[in-house]
Each structure stands twice: as structure tokens, then as C-alpha cells.
Amino acid sequence: MATLKKEFTSADLDSNFKLVYYHGTGSIEYAPLLYDNTNTQRTTNDIFSFVDTNTIALELGNTIAGTWTLYLQGLTDVGGGTVRKLHDLDLDASPTNDFRIAIGKTGTASKNIVLSAFYTLLDSVLNFCKRDGSNITAPADWRTELDVYSTTEVDSVVTANALVPDVRGQYTIGDVGTVYSTYTVTFTDLGTTDYQVIATMTDADATPVLMSCIWKIYDKQANSFKIAAVDEAAGGSTNFVLDYMIFKN
């Protein structure tokens, strides 16, 4: 690591209160640190910019008090004399016309490419992500490359494993007397009596009255089951309805 130090005062600023600092060739990825005359660190987020590979600028916007100090930290040389230049502009395409992206790591010369070349690189690596109109070109590849499901695959899996009743319906019982009565609910033949009935007894009256209905399901057949019910409260509701769903085991 190398650290460059620049001390400056208001006399070093130009007419726009800008410090343009040429720090030499062979420069790299910078970590700028700025301290004022009281040795308090100041932010460089909005005032720091690159003029070119070897020059930076600080736009301070006004005069400063006393002497300020700028530190630039970074690698100035990598093995064999190869310089790491994250902001190098020595490509064929004009840097004023093309956005650029720099890729690198510590101890390795960085790659500086125009954005269009980066798109080409992504296309070669993530080609399976391409869209054909509103559809993914090769959805099956998403499972292989990214270990994720496409929307169609998710729908298929959810549908295959969803809890969907084989039969659902509603049976109107009406008035349940104070002695047990039986009722037969019929439905499309399931071909088996190995099923479960999930049911609720509801009161369809607009203004239900107090009641105590006891009921059970029994005698399951392939196309029917029976209900036994009794209302222990005389004068109770007269409009009972059974909502049910049937699931094969």
C-alpha cells in the first residue's frame, strides 16, 4: 500500500474553489481521506472526482481556514511493474462517449471495459436468462444454472400438491327436530369409501336463534353419506345448511 499526502490552503484553490491535484503516474484505486485544519475528517462523497488517470479534483465550494490535508491510499505498483489502473482511459473507444466499468482485485491488474462489452460478457454467461418476448427462452435451464423454479414450474408443483377437494357441495337440512333425524347427502361416485368429509353446519336464517344442534356423519358410501342430527333446544333454528368438502385418502 502507498499513501500520497497533499497539504493545501485557500491559496492553492482556483477561482472556483477547486483543488486540482496531479499526483503522478502509476495510480490506481483510491481511498481519499480529507482532514481540515482541526484534523477533523471531512466527507469526500460530493466533492471528489477524477480528472484523468493521474489527476483528481476537490470542489470545496468556498475558501478554507488554515491548512487542510488530503491523503490518497492505494496500490501504486503490482508485481512485475504492472500498474493497477481502475480508471485508466487507454482503450480504443472514446471515454467521453462510452460508460465504463472496472473489475479487479487486490494484487491483480484490473480490467477496464466499456459497458457494452460488459453486456456482451453477461450475455455469454447468462444466456439462459434471455427473454423471447414475454417468455424466458429456456426456463428449464434456470433450474440447472440457478436452482430456481420458473413461474410455470411453480404453478405446476403447487397445483400437483395443493389440497383440492374431490367433491364439494351444500346440503339443505332445514328444521332439525328434538329427536334424531337422518339425512342422505349424495354426490358423484368416487369409486371408493376411503375418504374424509370436512363439513360445517351453518344457520341460514337471517336472524338465527339460540340452538344446540348435535350432528354426526356416518354410513359413508362411494356416492353418499348420511347425517344424524338433533336440536336439543326446542323452538330453535329451522334453516340448517351443511357445507362439505370430500377428500380421498
Foldseek 3Di string as FASTA:
>chain_A
DDKDKDKDFLVQAPPQRKHKDFADPQDADWDKWKAAPVRDTDDQPPFWDAPAQGIIMGRPRDGGPDMMMMMIDDDSAAPPRQGAGQGHQPDPDHPVVFAWGWDDDPRDRIDIGTVVVVVVVCCVVPVQQDADVPHRPHQVVCCVPVVDHDPVRVVVVCVVPPDDFPDWDKDKDFAAAQDKDKDKDFAPFQVDQQKDKDKDKDAPDPDFDDWDKDKDWADGDRTMIMMIIHINDPPGGGIIMMTMTMHHD
